[in-house]
Amino acid sequence: AHLESKLEDIGRIAHLESKLSQNGVAIKINRGGNKKLKKKMTKIVAKQAANRKEVRRVALQNQDNDRRVLALESCREQQNRRFDEFEQNQAEFNILKERVILLEAN
């Protein structure tokens, strides 16, 4: 078990070393004045900023739409309650109307 953990540590160290050397190469290329790469990076950064801006805009739009949906659902619930009350009143009215007809008949 101790040997396995040592091997895992060695594997991790090797992985970190390769990652560090890759990063080092990337830094050297960038420092080396590779103008094409710098231009590309500038474009990528600008595009990322534009994408983030668009994501924020869409998120705000979604929030607004959510609020509108909630408002519409609330209106629908109110209308359903009113319709239920109307049906109940209509039923009571019909019962009273029948009673009046019966009373007039007698």
PDB file of N, CA and C in Angstrom:
ATOM      1  N   ALA A   1       0.841  -1.191   0.000  1.00  0.00           N
ATOM      2  CA  ALA A   1       0.000   0.000   0.000  1.00  0.00           C
ATOM      3  C   ALA A   1       0.883   1.250   0.000  1.00  0.00           C
ATOM      4  N   HIS A   2       1.964   1.217   0.779  1.00  0.00           N
ATOM      5  CA  HIS A   2       2.874   2.354   0.844  1.00  0.00           C
ATOM      6  C   HIS A   2       3.539   2.578  -0.516  1.00  0.00           C
ATOM      7  N   LEU A   3       3.909   1.478  -1.162  1.00  0.00           N
ATOM      8  CA  LEU A   3       4.540   1.555  -2.478  1.00  0.00           C
ATOM      9  C   LEU A   3       3.559   2.142  -3.502  1.00  0.00           C
ATOM     10  N   GLU A   4       2.285   1.725  -3.399  1.00  0.00           N
ATOM     11  CA  GLU A   4       1.268   2.239  -4.335  1.00  0.00           C
ATOM     12  C   GLU A   4       1.109   3.756  -4.191  1.00  0.00           C
ATOM     13  N   SER A   5       1.068   4.231  -2.933  1.00  0.00           N
ATOM     14  CA  SER A   5       0.901   5.672  -2.737  1.00  0.00           C
ATOM     15  C   SER A   5       2.127   6.421  -3.254  1.00  0.00           C
ATOM     16  N   LYS A   6       3.343   5.828  -3.083  1.00  0.00           N
ATOM     17  CA  LYS A   6       4.567   6.451  -3.616  1.00  0.00           C
ATOM     18  C   LYS A   6       4.478   6.544  -5.137  1.00  0.00           C
ATOM     19  N   LEU A   7       3.984   5.447  -5.780  1.00  0.00           N
ATOM     20  CA  LEU A   7       3.864   5.429  -7.238  1.00  0.00           C
ATOM     21  C   LEU A   7       2.857   6.491  -7.698  1.00  0.00           C
ATOM     22  N   GLU A   8       1.753   6.615  -6.952  1.00  0.00           N
ATOM     23  CA  GLU A   8       0.752   7.637  -7.276  1.00  0.00           C
ATOM     24  C   GLU A   8       1.370   9.025  -7.180  1.00  0.00           C
ATOM     25  N   ASP A   9       2.161   9.252  -6.093  1.00  0.00           N
ATOM     26  CA  ASP A   9       2.815  10.549  -5.920  1.00  0.00           C
ATOM     27  C   ASP A   9       3.757  10.842  -7.084  1.00  0.00           C
ATOM     28  N   ILE A  10       4.523   9.816  -7.490  1.00  0.00           N
ATOM     29  CA  ILE A  10       5.464   9.987  -8.610  1.00  0.00           C
ATOM     30  C   ILE A  10       4.687  10.326  -9.884  1.00  0.00           C
ATOM     31  N   GLY A  11       3.546   9.631 -10.082  1.00  0.00           N
ATOM     32  CA  GLY A  11       2.707   9.914 -11.258  1.00  0.00           C
ATOM     33  C   GLY A  11       2.196  11.346 -11.249  1.00  0.00           C
ATOM     34  N   ARG A  12       1.746  11.787 -10.065  1.00  0.00           N
ATOM     35  CA  ARG A  12       1.254  13.163  -9.937  1.00  0.00           C
ATOM     36  C   ARG A  12       2.358  14.174 -10.232  1.00  0.00           C
ATOM     37  N   ILE A  13       3.538  13.892  -9.687  1.00  0.00           N
ATOM     38  CA  ILE A  13       4.682  14.801  -9.897  1.00  0.00           C
ATOM     39  C   ILE A  13       5.027  14.869 -11.384  1.00  0.00           C
ATOM     40  N   ALA A  14       5.037  13.717 -12.053  1.00  0.00           N
ATOM     41  CA  ALA A  14       5.348  13.699 -13.488  1.00  0.00           C
ATOM     42  C   ALA A  14       4.307  14.496 -14.267  1.00  0.00           C
ATOM     43  N   HIS A  15       3.050  14.320 -13.887  1.00  0.00           N
ATOM     44  CA  HIS A  15       1.967  15.054 -14.556  1.00  0.00           C
ATOM     45  C   HIS A  15       2.133  16.556 -14.357  1.00  0.00           C
ATOM     46  N   LEU A  16       2.425  16.962 -13.113  1.00  0.00           N
ATOM     47  CA  LEU A  16       2.624  18.390 -12.820  1.00  0.00           C
ATOM     48  C   LEU A  16       3.821  18.950 -13.585  1.00  0.00           C
ATOM     49  N   GLU A  17       4.900  18.146 -13.677  1.00  0.00           N
ATOM     50  CA  GLU A  17       6.086  18.600 -14.409  1.00  0.00           C
ATOM     51  C   GLU A  17       5.754  18.850 -15.878  1.00  0.00           C
ATOM     52  N   SER A  18       5.012  17.918 -16.476  1.00  0.00           N
ATOM     53  CA  SER A  18       4.684  18.097 -17.899  1.00  0.00           C
ATOM     54  C   SER A  18       3.786  19.328 -18.075  1.00  0.00           C
ATOM     55  N   LYS A  19       2.859  19.510 -17.132  1.00  0.00           N
ATOM     56  CA  LYS A  19       1.962  20.665 -17.198  1.00  0.00           C
ATOM     57  C   LYS A  19       2.772  21.974 -17.068  1.00  0.00           C
ATOM     58  N   LEU A  20       3.709  21.976 -16.112  1.00  0.00           N
ATOM     59  CA  LEU A  20       4.539  23.163 -15.919  1.00  0.00           C
ATOM     60  C   LEU A  20       5.382  23.461 -17.155  1.00  0.00           C
ATOM     61  N   SER A  21       5.923  22.422 -17.778  1.00  0.00           N
ATOM     62  CA  SER A  21       6.755  22.670 -18.955  1.00  0.00           C
ATOM     63  C   SER A  21       5.890  23.163 -20.114  1.00  0.00           C
ATOM     64  N   GLN A  22       4.657  22.633 -20.239  1.00  0.00           N
ATOM     65  CA  GLN A  22       3.741  23.135 -21.277  1.00  0.00           C
ATOM     66  C   GLN A  22       3.447  24.610 -21.049  1.00  0.00           C
ATOM     67  N   ASN A  23       3.150  24.960 -19.775  1.00  0.00           N
ATOM     68  CA  ASN A  23       2.874  26.353 -19.446  1.00  0.00           C
ATOM     69  C   ASN A  23       4.088  27.236 -19.728  1.00  0.00           C
ATOM     70  N   GLY A  24       5.267  26.712 -19.389  1.00  0.00           N
ATOM     71  CA  GLY A  24       6.507  27.449 -19.641  1.00  0.00           C
ATOM     72  C   GLY A  24       6.688  27.730 -21.119  1.00  0.00           C
ATOM     73  N   VAL A  25       6.427  26.718 -21.955  1.00  0.00           N
ATOM     74  CA  VAL A  25       6.552  26.889 -23.407  1.00  0.00           C
ATOM     75  C   VAL A  25       5.559  27.944 -23.886  1.00  0.00           C
ATOM     76  N   ALA A  26       4.319  27.873 -23.371  1.00  0.00           N
ATOM     77  CA  ALA A  26       3.297  28.844 -23.773  1.00  0.00           C
ATOM     78  C   ALA A  26       3.721  30.255 -23.388  1.00  0.00           C
ATOM     79  N   ILE A  27       4.301  30.395 -22.193  1.00  0.00           N
ATOM     80  CA  ILE A  27       4.750  31.715 -21.734  1.00  0.00           C
ATOM     81  C   ILE A  27       5.890  32.217 -22.620  1.00  0.00           C
ATOM     82  N   LYS A  28       6.842  31.325 -22.952  1.00  0.00           N
ATOM     83  CA  LYS A  28       7.983  31.719 -23.793  1.00  0.00           C
ATOM     84  C   LYS A  28       7.496  32.176 -25.162  1.00  0.00           C
ATOM     85  N   ILE A  29       6.535  31.425 -25.726  1.00  0.00           N
ATOM     86  CA  ILE A  29       6.005  31.790 -27.040  1.00  0.00           C
ATOM     87  C   ILE A  29       5.387  33.177 -26.959  1.00  0.00           C
ATOM     88  N   ASN A  30       4.628  33.407 -25.894  1.00  0.00           N
ATOM     89  CA  ASN A  30       3.956  34.690 -25.730  1.00  0.00           C
ATOM     90  C   ASN A  30       4.972  35.815 -25.535  1.00  0.00           C
ATOM     91  N   ARG A  31       5.990  35.555 -24.741  1.00  0.00           N
ATOM     92  CA  ARG A  31       7.016  36.578 -24.492  1.00  0.00           C
ATOM     93  C   ARG A  31       7.884  36.787 -25.714  1.00  0.00           C
ATOM     94  N   GLY A  32       7.990  35.744 -26.519  1.00  0.00           N
ATOM     95  CA  GLY A  32       8.870  35.797 -27.684  1.00  0.00           C
ATOM     96  C   GLY A  32       8.380  36.755 -28.752  1.00  0.00           C
ATOM     97  N   GLY A  33       7.233  37.364 -28.523  1.00  0.00           N
ATOM     98  CA  GLY A  33       6.754  38.361 -29.469  1.00  0.00           C
ATOM     99  C   GLY A  33       6.096  37.748 -30.690  1.00  0.00           C
ATOM    100  N   ASN A  34       5.467  36.599 -30.511  1.00  0.00           N
ATOM    101  CA  ASN A  34       4.748  35.989 -31.624  1.00  0.00           C
ATOM    102  C   ASN A  34       3.504  36.829 -31.883  1.00  0.00           C
ATOM    103  N   LYS A  35       3.601  37.716 -32.876  1.00  0.00           N
ATOM    104  CA  LYS A  35       2.539  38.692 -33.109  1.00  0.00           C
ATOM    105  C   LYS A  35       1.240  38.037 -33.543  1.00  0.00           C
ATOM    106  N   LYS A  36       1.356  36.987 -34.370  1.00  0.00           N
ATOM    107  CA  LYS A  36       0.132  36.307 -34.815  1.00  0.00           C
ATOM    108  C   LYS A  36      -0.616  35.727 -33.620  1.00  0.00           C
ATOM    109  N   LEU A  37       0.153  35.090 -32.726  1.00  0.00           N
ATOM    110  CA  LEU A  37      -0.455  34.482 -31.541  1.00  0.00           C
ATOM    111  C   LEU A  37      -1.086  35.552 -30.661  1.00  0.00           C
ATOM    112  N   LYS A  38      -0.368  36.670 -30.471  1.00  0.00           N
ATOM    113  CA  LYS A  38      -0.901  37.759 -29.645  1.00  0.00           C
ATOM    114  C   LYS A  38      -2.192  38.309 -30.249  1.00  0.00           C
ATOM    115  N   LYS A  39      -2.204  38.455 -31.588  1.00  0.00           N
ATOM    116  CA  LYS A  39      -3.394  38.957 -32.273  1.00  0.00           C
ATOM    117  C   LYS A  39      -4.561  37.996 -32.046  1.00  0.00           C
ATOM    118  N   LYS A  40      -4.255  36.699 -32.207  1.00  0.00           N
ATOM    119  CA  LYS A  40      -5.296  35.675 -31.995  1.00  0.00           C
ATOM    120  C   LYS A  40      -5.818  35.739 -30.572  1.00  0.00           C
ATOM    121  N   MET A  41      -4.906  35.841 -29.616  1.00  0.00           N
ATOM    122  CA  MET A  41      -5.292  35.885 -28.201  1.00  0.00           C
ATOM    123  C   MET A  41      -6.171  37.106 -27.941  1.00  0.00           C
ATOM    124  N   THR A  42      -5.810  38.244 -28.536  1.00  0.00           N
ATOM    125  CA  THR A  42      -6.604  39.467 -28.352  1.00  0.00           C
ATOM    126  C   THR A  42      -8.015  39.258 -28.871  1.00  0.00           C
ATOM    127  N   LYS A  43      -8.104  38.634 -30.062  1.00  0.00           N
ATOM    128  CA  LYS A  43      -9.425  38.358 -30.634  1.00  0.00           C
ATOM    129  C   LYS A  43     -10.220  37.412 -29.741  1.00  0.00           C
ATOM    130  N   ILE A  44      -9.547  36.379 -29.251  1.00  0.00           N
ATOM    131  CA  ILE A  44     -10.229  35.394 -28.394  1.00  0.00           C
ATOM    132  C   ILE A  44     -10.736  36.060 -27.123  1.00  0.00           C
ATOM    133  N   VAL A  45      -9.893  36.881 -26.500  1.00  0.00           N
ATOM    134  CA  VAL A  45     -10.285  37.568 -25.262  1.00  0.00           C
ATOM    135  C   VAL A  45     -11.464  38.495 -25.529  1.00  0.00           C
ATOM    136  N   ALA A  46     -11.422  39.201 -26.653  1.00  0.00           N
ATOM    137  CA  ALA A  46     -12.519  40.111 -26.992  1.00  0.00           C
ATOM    138  C   ALA A  46     -13.812  39.319 -27.215  1.00  0.00           C
ATOM    139  N   LYS A  47     -13.679  38.184 -27.906  1.00  0.00           N
ATOM    140  CA  LYS A  47     -14.856  37.347 -28.169  1.00  0.00           C
ATOM    141  C   LYS A  47     -15.420  36.793 -26.856  1.00  0.00           C
ATOM    142  N   GLN A  48     -14.521  36.369 -25.951  1.00  0.00           N
ATOM    143  CA  GLN A  48     -14.973  35.865 -24.652  1.00  0.00           C
ATOM    144  C   GLN A  48     -15.736  36.953 -23.891  1.00  0.00           C
ATOM    145  N   ALA A  49     -15.216  38.188 -23.928  1.00  0.00           N
ATOM    146  CA  ALA A  49     -15.883  39.295 -23.240  1.00  0.00           C
ATOM    147  C   ALA A  49     -17.261  39.539 -23.848  1.00  0.00           C
ATOM    148  N   ALA A  50     -17.335  39.492 -25.191  1.00  0.00           N
ATOM    149  CA  ALA A  50     -18.621  39.685 -25.863  1.00  0.00           C
ATOM    150  C   ALA A  50     -19.588  38.560 -25.493  1.00  0.00           C
ATOM    151  N   ASN A  51     -19.061  37.335 -25.435  1.00  0.00           N
ATOM    152  CA  ASN A  51     -19.911  36.190 -25.064  1.00  0.00           C
ATOM    153  C   ASN A  51     -20.430  36.333 -23.637  1.00  0.00           C
ATOM    154  N   ARG A  52     -19.546  36.759 -22.726  1.00  0.00           N
ATOM    155  CA  ARG A  52     -19.973  36.944 -21.335  1.00  0.00           C
ATOM    156  C   ARG A  52     -21.073  38.001 -21.255  1.00  0.00           C
ATOM    157  N   LYS A  53     -20.894  39.081 -22.031  1.00  0.00           N
ATOM    158  CA  LYS A  53     -21.889  40.158 -22.058  1.00  0.00           C
ATOM    159  C   LYS A  53     -23.225  39.614 -22.558  1.00  0.00           C
ATOM    160  N   GLU A  54     -23.173  38.806 -23.627  1.00  0.00           N
ATOM    161  CA  GLU A  54     -24.393  38.219 -24.196  1.00  0.00           C
ATOM    162  C   GLU A  54     -25.059  37.271 -23.203  1.00  0.00           C
ATOM    163  N   VAL A  55     -24.236  36.484 -22.498  1.00  0.00           N
ATOM    164  CA  VAL A  55     -24.771  35.552 -21.492  1.00  0.00           C
ATOM    165  C   VAL A  55     -25.488  36.331 -20.390  1.00  0.00           C
ATOM    166  N   ARG A  56     -24.867  37.434 -19.941  1.00  0.00           N
ATOM    167  CA  ARG A  56     -25.512  38.269 -18.911  1.00  0.00           C
ATOM    168  C   ARG A  56     -26.831  38.840 -19.420  1.00  0.00           C
ATOM    169  N   ARG A  57     -26.832  39.321 -20.697  1.00  0.00           N
ATOM    170  CA  ARG A  57     -28.041  39.900 -21.280  1.00  0.00           C
ATOM    171  C   ARG A  57     -29.156  38.861 -21.336  1.00  0.00           C
ATOM    172  N   VAL A  58     -28.807  37.644 -21.781  1.00  0.00           N
ATOM    173  CA  VAL A  58     -29.807  36.574 -21.886  1.00  0.00           C
ATOM    174  C   VAL A  58     -30.296  36.173 -20.494  1.00  0.00           C
ATOM    175  N   ALA A  59     -29.392  36.144 -19.518  1.00  0.00           N
ATOM    176  CA  ALA A  59     -29.786  35.785 -18.151  1.00  0.00           C
ATOM    177  C   ALA A  59     -30.786  36.805 -17.600  1.00  0.00           C
ATOM    178  N   LEU A  60     -30.523  38.092 -17.835  1.00  0.00           N
ATOM    179  CA  LEU A  60     -31.455  39.134 -17.386  1.00  0.00           C
ATOM    180  C   LEU A  60     -32.795  39.011 -18.098  1.00  0.00           C
ATOM    181  N   GLN A  61     -32.732  38.703 -19.399  1.00  0.00           N
ATOM    182  CA  GLN A  61     -33.964  38.523 -20.169  1.00  0.00           C
ATOM    183  C   GLN A  61     -34.764  37.332 -19.619  1.00  0.00           C
ATOM    184  N   ASN A  62     -34.040  36.256 -19.268  1.00  0.00           N
ATOM    185  CA  ASN A  62     -34.706  35.083 -18.691  1.00  0.00           C
ATOM    186  C   ASN A  62     -35.378  35.426 -17.362  1.00  0.00           C
ATOM    187  N   GLN A  63     -34.679  36.217 -16.529  1.00  0.00           N
ATOM    188  CA  GLN A  63     -35.266  36.629 -15.250  1.00  0.00           C
ATOM    189  C   GLN A  63     -36.545  37.419 -15.482  1.00  0.00           C
ATOM    190  N   ASP A  64     -36.480  38.335 -16.455  1.00  0.00           N
ATOM    191  CA  ASP A  64     -37.655  39.151 -16.777  1.00  0.00           C
ATOM    192  C   ASP A  64     -38.799  38.266 -17.256  1.00  0.00           C
ATOM    193  N   ASN A  65     -38.464  37.307 -18.132  1.00  0.00           N
ATOM    194  CA  ASN A  65     -39.491  36.383 -18.629  1.00  0.00           C
ATOM    195  C   ASN A  65     -40.082  35.547 -17.503  1.00  0.00           C
ATOM    196  N   ASP A  66     -39.232  35.112 -16.569  1.00  0.00           N
ATOM    197  CA  ASP A  66     -39.722  34.338 -15.418  1.00  0.00           C
ATOM    198  C   ASP A  66     -40.721  35.154 -14.611  1.00  0.00           C
ATOM    199  N   ARG A  67     -40.384  36.436 -14.385  1.00  0.00           N
ATOM    200  CA  ARG A  67     -41.305  37.314 -13.640  1.00  0.00           C
ATOM    201  C   ARG A  67     -42.637  37.437 -14.372  1.00  0.00           C
ATOM    202  N   ARG A  68     -42.562  37.598 -15.689  1.00  0.00           N
ATOM    203  CA  ARG A  68     -43.795  37.722 -16.480  1.00  0.00           C
ATOM    204  C   ARG A  68     -44.629  36.448 -16.407  1.00  0.00           C
ATOM    205  N   VAL A  69     -43.963  35.302 -16.476  1.00  0.00           N
ATOM    206  CA  VAL A  69     -44.681  34.015 -16.392  1.00  0.00           C
ATOM    207  C   VAL A  69     -45.381  33.901 -15.038  1.00  0.00           C
ATOM    208  N   LEU A  70     -44.664  34.263 -13.969  1.00  0.00           N
ATOM    209  CA  LEU A  70     -45.266  34.208 -12.633  1.00  0.00           C
ATOM    210  C   LEU A  70     -46.485  35.129 -12.544  1.00  0.00           C
ATOM    211  N   ALA A  71     -46.363  36.329 -13.127  1.00  0.00           N
ATOM    212  CA  ALA A  71     -47.483  37.268 -13.107  1.00  0.00           C
ATOM    213  C   ALA A  71     -48.675  36.693 -13.869  1.00  0.00           C
ATOM    214  N   LEU A  72     -48.410  36.078 -15.033  1.00  0.00           N
ATOM    215  CA  LEU A  72     -49.490  35.482 -15.825  1.00  0.00           C
ATOM    216  C   LEU A  72     -50.142  34.318 -15.085  1.00  0.00           C
ATOM    217  N   GLU A  73     -49.315  33.507 -14.423  1.00  0.00           N
ATOM    218  CA  GLU A  73     -49.868  32.380 -13.661  1.00  0.00           C
ATOM    219  C   GLU A  73     -50.755  32.889 -12.531  1.00  0.00           C
ATOM    220  N   SER A  74     -50.330  33.965 -11.885  1.00  0.00           N
ATOM    221  CA  SER A  74     -51.119  34.559 -10.811  1.00  0.00           C
ATOM    222  C   SER A  74     -52.461  35.051 -11.359  1.00  0.00           C
ATOM    223  N   CYS A  75     -52.430  35.721 -12.516  1.00  0.00           N
ATOM    224  CA  CYS A  75     -53.673  36.192 -13.147  1.00  0.00           C
ATOM    225  C   CYS A  75     -54.588  35.020 -13.478  1.00  0.00           C
ATOM    226  N   ARG A  76     -53.983  33.959 -14.008  1.00  0.00           N
ATOM    227  CA  ARG A  76     -54.787  32.779 -14.365  1.00  0.00           C
ATOM    228  C   ARG A  76     -55.459  32.185 -13.132  1.00  0.00           C
ATOM    229  N   GLU A  77     -54.708  32.096 -12.031  1.00  0.00           N
ATOM    230  CA  GLU A  77     -55.283  31.559 -10.793  1.00  0.00           C
ATOM    231  C   GLU A  77     -56.432  32.442 -10.307  1.00  0.00           C
ATOM    232  N   GLN A  78     -56.241  33.765 -10.394  1.00  0.00           N
ATOM    233  CA  GLN A  78     -57.309  34.697  -9.998  1.00  0.00           C
ATOM    234  C   GLN A  78     -58.551  34.489 -10.861  1.00  0.00           C
ATOM    235  N   GLN A  79     -58.334  34.370 -12.168  1.00  0.00           N
ATOM    236  CA  GLN A  79     -59.466  34.179 -13.078  1.00  0.00           C
ATOM    237  C   GLN A  79     -60.173  32.856 -12.789  1.00  0.00           C
ATOM    238  N   ASN A  80     -59.398  31.820 -12.496  1.00  0.00           N
ATOM    239  CA  ASN A  80     -60.008  30.520 -12.167  1.00  0.00           C
ATOM    240  C   ASN A  80     -60.866  30.626 -10.915  1.00  0.00           C
ATOM    241  N   ARG A  81     -60.338  31.350  -9.885  1.00  0.00           N
ATOM    242  CA  ARG A  81     -61.109  31.535  -8.654  1.00  0.00           C
ATOM    243  C   ARG A  81     -62.402  32.292  -8.943  1.00  0.00           C
ATOM    244  N   ARG A  82     -62.286  33.368  -9.742  1.00  0.00           N
ATOM    245  CA  ARG A  82     -63.480  34.153 -10.080  1.00  0.00           C
ATOM    246  C   ARG A  82     -64.491  33.309 -10.860  1.00  0.00           C
ATOM    247  N   PHE A  83     -63.988  32.498 -11.777  1.00  0.00           N
ATOM    248  CA  PHE A  83     -64.885  31.650 -12.564  1.00  0.00           C
ATOM    249  C   PHE A  83     -65.588  30.637 -11.660  1.00  0.00           C
ATOM    250  N   ASP A  84     -64.822  30.065 -10.705  1.00  0.00           N
ATOM    251  CA  ASP A  84     -65.432  29.120  -9.749  1.00  0.00           C
ATOM    252  C   ASP A  84     -66.522  29.820  -8.937  1.00  0.00           C
ATOM    253  N   GLU A  85     -66.228  31.042  -8.471  1.00  0.00           N
ATOM    254  CA  GLU A  85     -67.230  31.806  -7.720  1.00  0.00           C
ATOM    255  C   GLU A  85     -68.460  32.080  -8.584  1.00  0.00           C
ATOM    256  N   PHE A  86     -68.213  32.443  -9.854  1.00  0.00           N
ATOM    257  CA  PHE A  86     -69.321  32.715 -10.766  1.00  0.00           C
ATOM    258  C   PHE A  86     -70.185  31.468 -10.940  1.00  0.00           C
ATOM    259  N   GLU A  87     -69.535  30.311 -11.141  1.00  0.00           N
ATOM    260  CA  GLU A  87     -70.301  29.065 -11.308  1.00  0.00           C
ATOM    261  C   GLU A  87     -71.113  28.752 -10.060  1.00  0.00           C
ATOM    262  N   GLN A  88     -70.501  28.963  -8.892  1.00  0.00           N
ATOM    263  CA  GLN A  88     -71.189  28.716  -7.623  1.00  0.00           C
ATOM    264  C   GLN A  88     -72.402  29.654  -7.493  1.00  0.00           C
ATOM    265  N   ASN A  89     -72.195  30.945  -7.796  1.00  0.00           N
ATOM    266  CA  ASN A  89     -73.297  31.906  -7.731  1.00  0.00           C
ATOM    267  C   ASN A  89     -74.402  31.547  -8.724  1.00  0.00           C
ATOM    268  N   GLN A  90     -73.982  31.099  -9.916  1.00  0.00           N
ATOM    269  CA  GLN A  90     -74.962  30.718 -10.939  1.00  0.00           C
ATOM    270  C   GLN A  90     -75.804  29.534 -10.461  1.00  0.00           C
ATOM    271  N   ALA A  91     -75.145  28.555  -9.812  1.00  0.00           N
ATOM    272  CA  ALA A  91     -75.864  27.385  -9.295  1.00  0.00           C
ATOM    273  C   ALA A  91     -76.850  27.804  -8.200  1.00  0.00           C
ATOM    274  N   GLU A  92     -76.400  28.672  -7.279  1.00  0.00           N
ATOM    275  CA  GLU A  92     -77.280  29.166  -6.219  1.00  0.00           C
ATOM    276  C   GLU A  92     -78.460  29.936  -6.806  1.00  0.00           C
ATOM    277  N   PHE A  93     -78.180  30.746  -7.829  1.00  0.00           N
ATOM    278  CA  PHE A  93     -79.233  31.510  -8.486  1.00  0.00           C
ATOM    279  C   PHE A  93     -80.268  30.574  -9.112  1.00  0.00           C
ATOM    280  N   ASN A  94     -79.801  29.524  -9.769  1.00  0.00           N
ATOM    281  CA  ASN A  94     -80.710  28.560 -10.411  1.00  0.00           C
ATOM    282  C   ASN A  94     -81.597  27.876  -9.374  1.00  0.00           C
ATOM    283  N   ILE A  95     -81.003  27.518  -8.217  1.00  0.00           N
ATOM    284  CA  ILE A  95     -81.780  26.882  -7.141  1.00  0.00           C
ATOM    285  C   ILE A  95     -82.855  27.852  -6.651  1.00  0.00           C
ATOM    286  N   LEU A  96     -82.472  29.115  -6.404  1.00  0.00           N
ATOM    287  CA  LEU A  96     -83.437  30.119  -5.938  1.00  0.00           C
ATOM    288  C   LEU A  96     -84.543  30.357  -6.975  1.00  0.00           C
ATOM    289  N   LYS A  97     -84.166  30.373  -8.240  1.00  0.00           N
ATOM    290  CA  LYS A  97     -85.133  30.584  -9.308  1.00  0.00           C
ATOM    291  C   LYS A  97     -86.172  29.452  -9.315  1.00  0.00           C
ATOM    292  N   GLU A  98     -85.676  28.207  -9.137  1.00  0.00           N
ATOM    293  CA  GLU A  98     -86.593  27.053  -9.103  1.00  0.00           C
ATOM    294  C   GLU A  98     -87.539  27.163  -7.906  1.00  0.00           C
ATOM    295  N   ARG A  99     -87.033  27.606  -6.759  1.00  0.00           N
ATOM    296  CA  ARG A  99     -87.875  27.771  -5.562  1.00  0.00           C
ATOM    297  C   ARG A  99     -88.965  28.805  -5.816  1.00  0.00           C
ATOM    298  N   VAL A 100     -88.567  29.923  -6.447  1.00  0.00           N
ATOM    299  CA  VAL A 100     -89.544  30.976  -6.753  1.00  0.00           C
ATOM    300  C   VAL A 100     -90.615  30.434  -7.683  1.00  0.00           C
ATOM    301  N   ILE A 101     -90.237  29.667  -8.686  1.00  0.00           N
ATOM    302  CA  ILE A 101     -91.200  29.090  -9.627  1.00  0.00           C
ATOM    303  C   ILE A 101     -92.157  28.162  -8.871  1.00  0.00           C
ATOM    304  N   LEU A 102     -91.603  27.352  -7.960  1.00  0.00           N
ATOM    305  CA  LEU A 102     -92.439  26.421  -7.179  1.00  0.00           C
ATOM    306  C   LEU A 102     -93.395  27.183  -6.279  1.00  0.00           C
ATOM    307  N   LEU A 103     -92.874  28.264  -5.634  1.00  0.00           N
ATOM    308  CA  LEU A 103     -93.730  29.065  -4.753  1.00  0.00           C
ATOM    309  C   LEU A 103     -94.841  29.744  -5.551  1.00  0.00           C
ATOM    310  N   GLU A 104     -94.510  30.259  -6.732  1.00  0.00           N
ATOM    311  CA  GLU A 104     -95.530  30.907  -7.548  1.00  0.00           C
ATOM    312  C   GLU A 104     -96.576  29.914  -8.029  1.00  0.00           C
ATOM    313  N   ALA A 105     -96.137  28.675  -8.263  1.00  0.00           N
ATOM    314  CA  ALA A 105     -97.070  27.641  -8.747  1.00  0.00           C
ATOM    315  C   ALA A 105     -98.062  27.285  -7.642  1.00  0.00           C
ATOM    316  N   ASN A 106     -97.621  27.327  -6.398  1.00  0.00           N
ATOM    317  CA  ASN A 106     -98.504  26.987  -5.283  1.00  0.00           C
ATOM    318  C   ASN A 106     -99.289  28.202  -4.921  1.00  0.00           C
TER     319      ASN A 106
END
